[in-house]
Amino acid sequence: MADEALYHNKLKQDAGVILVVLGLLYFSETYIVYNILSTLWGEVPELGMIWPIYIVFYLLLLGIETIGCVRVYNSIKEHMFDFEYYD
């Protein structure tokens, strides 16, 4: 049997890595969306009309990434003893 304390410690480290990856994704995508919108805001008059579409797209993007990272964490947690992941 695997050392459960070691496995739970390593699982916490994996959770930290997943949170860092998610934070980097959020930051980079927010930066890109901000740059695009700030550049186009004065140039494209129709941007104000389609602003809600940008918001919905951005929120969907962040939601899908969050769901993906949570599923990765849950998969690691579920199978860490089965596959002797941390040995």
PDB file of N, CA and C in Angstrom:
ATOM      1  N   MET A   1       0.846  -1.187   0.000  1.00  0.00           N
ATOM      2  CA  MET A   1       0.000   0.000   0.000  1.00  0.00           C
ATOM      3  C   MET A   1       0.881   1.237   0.000  1.00  0.00           C
ATOM      4  N   ALA A   2       0.428   2.243  -0.647  1.00  0.00           N
ATOM      5  CA  ALA A   2       1.180   3.487  -0.764  1.00  0.00           C
ATOM      6  C   ALA A   2       1.099   4.283   0.536  1.00  0.00           C
ATOM      7  N   ASP A   3       2.087   5.117   0.728  1.00  0.00           N
ATOM      8  CA  ASP A   3       2.113   6.001   1.884  1.00  0.00           C
ATOM      9  C   ASP A   3       1.084   7.113   1.659  1.00  0.00           C
ATOM     10  N   GLU A   4      -0.011   7.069   2.411  1.00  0.00           N
ATOM     11  CA  GLU A   4      -1.113   8.004   2.179  1.00  0.00           C
ATOM     12  C   GLU A   4      -0.729   9.443   2.478  1.00  0.00           C
ATOM     13  N   ALA A   5       0.098   9.669   3.490  1.00  0.00           N
ATOM     14  CA  ALA A   5       0.516  11.035   3.808  1.00  0.00           C
ATOM     15  C   ALA A   5       1.319  11.632   2.655  1.00  0.00           C
ATOM     16  N   LEU A   6       2.212  10.823   2.078  1.00  0.00           N
ATOM     17  CA  LEU A   6       2.994  11.283   0.928  1.00  0.00           C
ATOM     18  C   LEU A   6       2.081  11.605  -0.246  1.00  0.00           C
ATOM     19  N   TYR A   7       1.131  10.734  -0.495  1.00  0.00           N
ATOM     20  CA  TYR A   7       0.220  10.935  -1.624  1.00  0.00           C
ATOM     21  C   TYR A   7      -0.630  12.190  -1.446  1.00  0.00           C
ATOM     22  N   HIS A   8      -1.126  12.424  -0.245  1.00  0.00           N
ATOM     23  CA  HIS A   8      -1.947  13.611  -0.022  1.00  0.00           C
ATOM     24  C   HIS A   8      -1.108  14.885  -0.092  1.00  0.00           C
ATOM     25  N   ASN A   9       0.147  14.819   0.348  1.00  0.00           N
ATOM     26  CA  ASN A   9       1.033  15.965   0.223  1.00  0.00           C
ATOM     27  C   ASN A   9       1.309  16.268  -1.249  1.00  0.00           C
ATOM     28  N   LYS A  10       1.584  15.239  -2.023  1.00  0.00           N
ATOM     29  CA  LYS A  10       1.837  15.428  -3.455  1.00  0.00           C
ATOM     30  C   LYS A  10       0.578  15.908  -4.177  1.00  0.00           C
ATOM     31  N   LEU A  11      -0.588  15.451  -3.725  1.00  0.00           N
ATOM     32  CA  LEU A  11      -1.839  15.910  -4.325  1.00  0.00           C
ATOM     33  C   LEU A  11      -2.032  17.403  -4.077  1.00  0.00           C
ATOM     34  N   LYS A  12      -1.667  17.872  -2.891  1.00  0.00           N
ATOM     35  CA  LYS A  12      -1.739  19.309  -2.602  1.00  0.00           C
ATOM     36  C   LYS A  12      -0.786  20.086  -3.502  1.00  0.00           C
ATOM     37  N   GLN A  13       0.392  19.542  -3.758  1.00  0.00           N
ATOM     38  CA  GLN A  13       1.329  20.198  -4.667  1.00  0.00           C
ATOM     39  C   GLN A  13       0.770  20.249  -6.084  1.00  0.00           C
ATOM     40  N   ASP A  14       0.147  19.168  -6.515  1.00  0.00           N
ATOM     41  CA  ASP A  14      -0.486  19.158  -7.835  1.00  0.00           C
ATOM     42  C   ASP A  14      -1.611  20.184  -7.908  1.00  0.00           C
ATOM     43  N   ALA A  15      -2.376  20.315  -6.833  1.00  0.00           N
ATOM     44  CA  ALA A  15      -3.443  21.312  -6.801  1.00  0.00           C
ATOM     45  C   ALA A  15      -2.858  22.714  -6.930  1.00  0.00           C
ATOM     46  N   GLY A  16      -1.717  22.957  -6.302  1.00  0.00           N
ATOM     47  CA  GLY A  16      -1.049  24.249  -6.438  1.00  0.00           C
ATOM     48  C   GLY A  16      -0.611  24.521  -7.860  1.00  0.00           C
ATOM     49  N   VAL A  17      -0.074  23.500  -8.518  1.00  0.00           N
ATOM     50  CA  VAL A  17       0.348  23.653  -9.915  1.00  0.00           C
ATOM     51  C   VAL A  17      -0.859  23.956 -10.801  1.00  0.00           C
ATOM     52  N   ILE A  18      -1.959  23.261 -10.560  1.00  0.00           N
ATOM     53  CA  ILE A  18      -3.169  23.496 -11.353  1.00  0.00           C
ATOM     54  C   ILE A  18      -3.681  24.916 -11.133  1.00  0.00           C
ATOM     55  N   LEU A  19      -3.637  25.410  -9.903  1.00  0.00           N
ATOM     56  CA  LEU A  19      -4.069  26.780  -9.628  1.00  0.00           C
ATOM     57  C   LEU A  19      -3.160  27.805 -10.295  1.00  0.00           C
ATOM     58  N   VAL A  20      -1.859  27.545 -10.317  1.00  0.00           N
ATOM     59  CA  VAL A  20      -0.929  28.456 -10.992  1.00  0.00           C
ATOM     60  C   VAL A  20      -1.214  28.483 -12.490  1.00  0.00           C
ATOM     61  N   VAL A  21      -1.435  27.320 -13.080  1.00  0.00           N
ATOM     62  CA  VAL A  21      -1.757  27.250 -14.514  1.00  0.00           C
ATOM     63  C   VAL A  21      -3.050  27.999 -14.800  1.00  0.00           C
ATOM     64  N   LEU A  22      -4.051  27.802 -13.970  1.00  0.00           N
ATOM     65  CA  LEU A  22      -5.326  28.485 -14.159  1.00  0.00           C
ATOM     66  C   LEU A  22      -5.158  29.997 -14.008  1.00  0.00           C
ATOM     67  N   GLY A  23      -4.363  30.422 -13.045  1.00  0.00           N
ATOM     68  CA  GLY A  23      -4.092  31.847 -12.873  1.00  0.00           C
ATOM     69  C   GLY A  23      -3.377  32.450 -14.069  1.00  0.00           C
ATOM     70  N   LEU A  24      -2.401  31.721 -14.613  1.00  0.00           N
ATOM     71  CA  LEU A  24      -1.708  32.206 -15.810  1.00  0.00           C
ATOM     72  C   LEU A  24      -2.655  32.307 -17.000  1.00  0.00           C
ATOM     73  N   LEU A  25      -3.523  31.330 -17.149  1.00  0.00           N
ATOM     74  CA  LEU A  25      -4.509  31.384 -18.234  1.00  0.00           C
ATOM     75  C   LEU A  25      -5.432  32.586 -18.067  1.00  0.00           C
ATOM     76  N   TYR A  26      -5.944  32.794 -16.858  1.00  0.00           N
ATOM     77  CA  TYR A  26      -6.830  33.933 -16.609  1.00  0.00           C
ATOM     78  C   TYR A  26      -6.117  35.248 -16.905  1.00  0.00           C
ATOM     79  N   PHE A  27      -4.897  35.396 -16.394  1.00  0.00           N
ATOM     80  CA  PHE A  27      -4.165  36.645 -16.581  1.00  0.00           C
ATOM     81  C   PHE A  27      -3.884  36.910 -18.050  1.00  0.00           C
ATOM     82  N   SER A  28      -3.372  35.905 -18.761  1.00  0.00           N
ATOM     83  CA  SER A  28      -3.001  36.121 -20.157  1.00  0.00           C
ATOM     84  C   SER A  28      -4.226  36.412 -21.019  1.00  0.00           C
ATOM     85  N   GLU A  29      -5.310  35.705 -20.791  1.00  0.00           N
ATOM     86  CA  GLU A  29      -6.502  35.949 -21.597  1.00  0.00           C
ATOM     87  C   GLU A  29      -7.144  37.285 -21.264  1.00  0.00           C
ATOM     88  N   THR A  30      -7.131  37.671 -20.007  1.00  0.00           N
ATOM     89  CA  THR A  30      -7.649  38.984 -19.640  1.00  0.00           C
ATOM     90  C   THR A  30      -6.815  40.080 -20.284  1.00  0.00           C
ATOM     91  N   TYR A  31      -5.516  39.921 -20.286  1.00  0.00           N
ATOM     92  CA  TYR A  31      -4.625  40.901 -20.905  1.00  0.00           C
ATOM     93  C   TYR A  31      -4.889  41.006 -22.409  1.00  0.00           C
ATOM     94  N   ILE A  32      -5.041  39.873 -23.071  1.00  0.00           N
ATOM     95  CA  ILE A  32      -5.277  39.873 -24.515  1.00  0.00           C
ATOM     96  C   ILE A  32      -6.624  40.507 -24.842  1.00  0.00           C
ATOM     97  N   VAL A  33      -7.663  40.131 -24.127  1.00  0.00           N
ATOM     98  CA  VAL A  33      -8.991  40.706 -24.374  1.00  0.00           C
ATOM     99  C   VAL A  33      -8.977  42.201 -24.097  1.00  0.00           C
ATOM    100  N   TYR A  34      -8.324  42.629 -23.034  1.00  0.00           N
ATOM    101  CA  TYR A  34      -8.232  44.059 -22.724  1.00  0.00           C
ATOM    102  C   TYR A  34      -7.513  44.811 -23.838  1.00  0.00           C
ATOM    103  N   ASN A  35      -6.385  44.277 -24.312  1.00  0.00           N
ATOM    104  CA  ASN A  35      -5.657  44.955 -25.386  1.00  0.00           C
ATOM    105  C   ASN A  35      -6.481  45.049 -26.662  1.00  0.00           C
ATOM    106  N   ILE A  36      -7.160  43.985 -27.011  1.00  0.00           N
ATOM    107  CA  ILE A  36      -7.978  44.006 -28.224  1.00  0.00           C
ATOM    108  C   ILE A  36      -9.105  45.020 -28.092  1.00  0.00           C
ATOM    109  N   LEU A  37      -9.814  44.978 -26.984  1.00  0.00           N
ATOM    110  CA  LEU A  37     -10.945  45.885 -26.815  1.00  0.00           C
ATOM    111  C   LEU A  37     -10.509  47.333 -26.668  1.00  0.00           C
ATOM    112  N   SER A  38      -9.417  47.593 -25.982  1.00  0.00           N
ATOM    113  CA  SER A  38      -8.969  48.979 -25.832  1.00  0.00           C
ATOM    114  C   SER A  38      -8.463  49.542 -27.154  1.00  0.00           C
ATOM    115  N   THR A  39      -7.912  48.702 -28.008  1.00  0.00           N
ATOM    116  CA  THR A  39      -7.455  49.157 -29.319  1.00  0.00           C
ATOM    117  C   THR A  39      -8.638  49.419 -30.245  1.00  0.00           C
ATOM    118  N   LEU A  40      -9.621  48.559 -30.216  1.00  0.00           N
ATOM    119  CA  LEU A  40     -10.743  48.669 -31.145  1.00  0.00           C
ATOM    120  C   LEU A  40     -11.847  49.612 -30.679  1.00  0.00           C
ATOM    121  N   TRP A  41     -11.877  49.964 -29.400  1.00  0.00           N
ATOM    122  CA  TRP A  41     -13.005  50.717 -28.858  1.00  0.00           C
ATOM    123  C   TRP A  41     -13.231  52.036 -29.597  1.00  0.00           C
ATOM    124  N   GLY A  42     -12.198  52.779 -29.888  1.00  0.00           N
ATOM    125  CA  GLY A  42     -12.355  54.050 -30.586  1.00  0.00           C
ATOM    126  C   GLY A  42     -12.465  53.905 -32.092  1.00  0.00           C
ATOM    127  N   GLU A  43     -12.020  52.800 -32.632  1.00  0.00           N
ATOM    128  CA  GLU A  43     -11.967  52.607 -34.080  1.00  0.00           C
ATOM    129  C   GLU A  43     -13.238  51.996 -34.662  1.00  0.00           C
ATOM    130  N   VAL A  44     -13.893  51.154 -33.920  1.00  0.00           N
ATOM    131  CA  VAL A  44     -15.053  50.420 -34.438  1.00  0.00           C
ATOM    132  C   VAL A  44     -16.301  50.878 -33.680  1.00  0.00           C
ATOM    133  N   PRO A  45     -17.168  51.646 -34.339  1.00  0.00           N
ATOM    134  CA  PRO A  45     -18.354  52.148 -33.626  1.00  0.00           C
ATOM    135  C   PRO A  45     -19.353  51.051 -33.248  1.00  0.00           C
ATOM    136  N   GLU A  46     -19.363  49.940 -33.969  1.00  0.00           N
ATOM    137  CA  GLU A  46     -20.307  48.864 -33.674  1.00  0.00           C
ATOM    138  C   GLU A  46     -19.902  48.045 -32.454  1.00  0.00           C
ATOM    139  N   LEU A  47     -18.726  48.286 -31.921  1.00  0.00           N
ATOM    140  CA  LEU A  47     -18.237  47.494 -30.793  1.00  0.00           C
ATOM    141  C   LEU A  47     -19.151  47.621 -29.579  1.00  0.00           C
ATOM    142  N   GLY A  48     -19.725  48.792 -29.381  1.00  0.00           N
ATOM    143  CA  GLY A  48     -20.638  48.984 -28.258  1.00  0.00           C
ATOM    144  C   GLY A  48     -21.881  48.119 -28.352  1.00  0.00           C
ATOM    145  N   MET A  49     -22.307  47.831 -29.578  1.00  0.00           N
ATOM    146  CA  MET A  49     -23.508  47.015 -29.768  1.00  0.00           C
ATOM    147  C   MET A  49     -23.228  45.536 -29.529  1.00  0.00           C
ATOM    148  N   ILE A  50     -22.012  45.081 -29.846  1.00  0.00           N
ATOM    149  CA  ILE A  50     -21.704  43.658 -29.678  1.00  0.00           C
ATOM    150  C   ILE A  50     -20.888  43.386 -28.408  1.00  0.00           C
ATOM    151  N   TRP A  51     -20.795  44.373 -27.547  1.00  0.00           N
ATOM    152  CA  TRP A  51     -20.077  44.233 -26.284  1.00  0.00           C
ATOM    153  C   TRP A  51     -20.566  43.037 -25.463  1.00  0.00           C
ATOM    154  N   PRO A  52     -21.892  42.808 -25.342  1.00  0.00           N
ATOM    155  CA  PRO A  52     -22.352  41.633 -24.573  1.00  0.00           C
ATOM    156  C   PRO A  52     -21.868  40.304 -25.150  1.00  0.00           C
ATOM    157  N   ILE A  53     -21.699  40.223 -26.457  1.00  0.00           N
ATOM    158  CA  ILE A  53     -21.204  38.987 -27.063  1.00  0.00           C
ATOM    159  C   ILE A  53     -19.767  38.723 -26.622  1.00  0.00           C
ATOM    160  N   TYR A  54     -18.952  39.779 -26.567  1.00  0.00           N
ATOM    161  CA  TYR A  54     -17.577  39.622 -26.084  1.00  0.00           C
ATOM    162  C   TYR A  54     -17.557  39.135 -24.637  1.00  0.00           C
ATOM    163  N   ILE A  55     -18.421  39.702 -23.819  1.00  0.00           N
ATOM    164  CA  ILE A  55     -18.471  39.315 -22.406  1.00  0.00           C
ATOM    165  C   ILE A  55     -18.890  37.848 -22.266  1.00  0.00           C
ATOM    166  N   VAL A  56     -19.917  37.438 -23.003  1.00  0.00           N
ATOM    167  CA  VAL A  56     -20.380  36.049 -22.928  1.00  0.00           C
ATOM    168  C   VAL A  56     -19.282  35.098 -23.406  1.00  0.00           C
ATOM    169  N   PHE A  57     -18.624  35.438 -24.509  1.00  0.00           N
ATOM    170  CA  PHE A  57     -17.540  34.603 -25.024  1.00  0.00           C
ATOM    171  C   PHE A  57     -16.414  34.478 -24.004  1.00  0.00           C
ATOM    172  N   TYR A  58     -16.030  35.586 -23.398  1.00  0.00           N
ATOM    173  CA  TYR A  58     -14.950  35.586 -22.415  1.00  0.00           C
ATOM    174  C   TYR A  58     -15.323  34.750 -21.190  1.00  0.00           C
ATOM    175  N   LEU A  59     -16.544  34.902 -20.704  1.00  0.00           N
ATOM    176  CA  LEU A  59     -16.978  34.125 -19.539  1.00  0.00           C
ATOM    177  C   LEU A  59     -17.067  32.636 -19.864  1.00  0.00           C
ATOM    178  N   LEU A  60     -17.524  32.301 -21.067  1.00  0.00           N
ATOM    179  CA  LEU A  60     -17.539  30.896 -21.475  1.00  0.00           C
ATOM    180  C   LEU A  60     -16.125  30.326 -21.531  1.00  0.00           C
ATOM    181  N   LEU A  61     -15.204  31.104 -22.059  1.00  0.00           N
ATOM    182  CA  LEU A  61     -13.813  30.671 -22.148  1.00  0.00           C
ATOM    183  C   LEU A  61     -13.244  30.384 -20.761  1.00  0.00           C
ATOM    184  N   LEU A  62     -13.444  31.309 -19.831  1.00  0.00           N
ATOM    185  CA  LEU A  62     -12.945  31.106 -18.471  1.00  0.00           C
ATOM    186  C   LEU A  62     -13.655  29.938 -17.784  1.00  0.00           C
ATOM    187  N   GLY A  63     -14.942  29.798 -18.021  1.00  0.00           N
ATOM    188  CA  GLY A  63     -15.687  28.698 -17.420  1.00  0.00           C
ATOM    189  C   GLY A  63     -15.222  27.340 -17.915  1.00  0.00           C
ATOM    190  N   ILE A  64     -14.991  27.226 -19.219  1.00  0.00           N
ATOM    191  CA  ILE A  64     -14.533  25.961 -19.789  1.00  0.00           C
ATOM    192  C   ILE A  64     -13.152  25.600 -19.256  1.00  0.00           C
ATOM    193  N   GLU A  65     -12.265  26.592 -19.141  1.00  0.00           N
ATOM    194  CA  GLU A  65     -10.930  26.323 -18.593  1.00  0.00           C
ATOM    195  C   GLU A  65     -11.008  25.888 -17.136  1.00  0.00           C
ATOM    196  N   THR A  66     -11.858  26.536 -16.371  1.00  0.00           N
ATOM    197  CA  THR A  66     -12.005  26.181 -14.965  1.00  0.00           C
ATOM    198  C   THR A  66     -12.534  24.759 -14.820  1.00  0.00           C
ATOM    199  N   ILE A  67     -13.536  24.418 -15.607  1.00  0.00           N
ATOM    200  CA  ILE A  67     -14.083  23.057 -15.569  1.00  0.00           C
ATOM    201  C   ILE A  67     -13.009  22.045 -15.952  1.00  0.00           C
ATOM    202  N   GLY A  68     -12.212  22.369 -16.962  1.00  0.00           N
ATOM    203  CA  GLY A  68     -11.138  21.468 -17.381  1.00  0.00           C
ATOM    204  C   GLY A  68     -10.117  21.241 -16.283  1.00  0.00           C
ATOM    205  N   CYS A  69      -9.705  22.306 -15.616  1.00  0.00           N
ATOM    206  CA  CYS A  69      -8.716  22.163 -14.537  1.00  0.00           C
ATOM    207  C   CYS A  69      -9.290  21.393 -13.352  1.00  0.00           C
ATOM    208  N   VAL A  70     -10.540  21.619 -13.030  1.00  0.00           N
ATOM    209  CA  VAL A  70     -11.170  20.881 -11.932  1.00  0.00           C
ATOM    210  C   VAL A  70     -11.268  19.399 -12.285  1.00  0.00           C
ATOM    211  N   ARG A  71     -11.574  19.093 -13.533  1.00  0.00           N
ATOM    212  CA  ARG A  71     -11.656  17.682 -13.948  1.00  0.00           C
ATOM    213  C   ARG A  71     -10.284  17.012 -13.909  1.00  0.00           C
ATOM    214  N   VAL A  72      -9.233  17.748 -14.269  1.00  0.00           N
ATOM    215  CA  VAL A  72      -7.882  17.189 -14.176  1.00  0.00           C
ATOM    216  C   VAL A  72      -7.555  16.875 -12.720  1.00  0.00           C
ATOM    217  N   TYR A  73      -7.846  17.804 -11.819  1.00  0.00           N
ATOM    218  CA  TYR A  73      -7.586  17.577 -10.397  1.00  0.00           C
ATOM    219  C   TYR A  73      -8.373  16.371  -9.879  1.00  0.00           C
ATOM    220  N   ASN A  74      -9.654  16.305 -10.232  1.00  0.00           N
ATOM    221  CA  ASN A  74     -10.472  15.176  -9.772  1.00  0.00           C
ATOM    222  C   ASN A  74      -9.973  13.853 -10.333  1.00  0.00           C
ATOM    223  N   SER A  75      -9.490  13.859 -11.560  1.00  0.00           N
ATOM    224  CA  SER A  75      -8.961  12.636 -12.156  1.00  0.00           C
ATOM    225  C   SER A  75      -7.688  12.190 -11.443  1.00  0.00           C
ATOM    226  N   ILE A  76      -6.811  13.136 -11.143  1.00  0.00           N
ATOM    227  CA  ILE A  76      -5.591  12.794 -10.404  1.00  0.00           C
ATOM    228  C   ILE A  76      -5.956  12.244  -9.027  1.00  0.00           C
ATOM    229  N   LYS A  77      -6.892  12.914  -8.364  1.00  0.00           N
ATOM    230  CA  LYS A  77      -7.301  12.491  -7.022  1.00  0.00           C
ATOM    231  C   LYS A  77      -7.928  11.098  -7.043  1.00  0.00           C
ATOM    232  N   GLU A  78      -8.719  10.818  -8.059  1.00  0.00           N
ATOM    233  CA  GLU A  78      -9.408   9.530  -8.146  1.00  0.00           C
ATOM    234  C   GLU A  78      -8.450   8.383  -8.436  1.00  0.00           C
ATOM    235  N   HIS A  79      -7.453   8.622  -9.268  1.00  0.00           N
ATOM    236  CA  HIS A  79      -6.601   7.532  -9.741  1.00  0.00           C
ATOM    237  C   HIS A  79      -5.199   7.510  -9.132  1.00  0.00           C
ATOM    238  N   MET A  80      -4.924   8.368  -8.160  1.00  0.00           N
ATOM    239  CA  MET A  80      -3.549   8.452  -7.665  1.00  0.00           C
ATOM    240  C   MET A  80      -3.101   7.168  -6.977  1.00  0.00           C
ATOM    241  N   PHE A  81      -4.003   6.446  -6.336  1.00  0.00           N
ATOM    242  CA  PHE A  81      -3.619   5.190  -5.701  1.00  0.00           C
ATOM    243  C   PHE A  81      -3.633   4.033  -6.692  1.00  0.00           C
ATOM    244  N   ASP A  82      -4.510   4.103  -7.683  1.00  0.00           N
ATOM    245  CA  ASP A  82      -4.624   3.016  -8.669  1.00  0.00           C
ATOM    246  C   ASP A  82      -3.367   2.877  -9.515  1.00  0.00           C
ATOM    247  N   PHE A  83      -2.847   3.997  -9.981  1.00  0.00           N
ATOM    248  CA  PHE A  83      -1.718   3.970 -10.907  1.00  0.00           C
ATOM    249  C   PHE A  83      -0.375   4.186 -10.217  1.00  0.00           C
ATOM    250  N   GLU A  84      -0.377   4.234  -8.887  1.00  0.00           N
ATOM    251  CA  GLU A  84       0.842   4.525  -8.121  1.00  0.00           C
ATOM    252  C   GLU A  84       1.514   5.770  -8.695  1.00  0.00           C
ATOM    253  N   TYR A  85       0.732   6.818  -8.770  1.00  0.00           N
ATOM    254  CA  TYR A  85       1.097   8.051  -9.452  1.00  0.00           C
ATOM    255  C   TYR A  85       2.337   8.717  -8.863  1.00  0.00           C
ATOM    256  N   TYR A  86       2.486   8.681  -7.557  1.00  0.00           N
ATOM    257  CA  TYR A  86       3.572   9.413  -6.909  1.00  0.00           C
ATOM    258  C   TYR A  86       4.743   8.532  -6.479  1.00  0.00           C
ATOM    259  N   ASP A  87       4.793   7.301  -6.898  1.00  0.00           N
ATOM    260  CA  ASP A  87       5.908   6.427  -6.509  1.00  0.00           C
ATOM    261  C   ASP A  87       7.096   6.610  -7.424  1.00  0.00           C
TER     262      ASP A  87
END
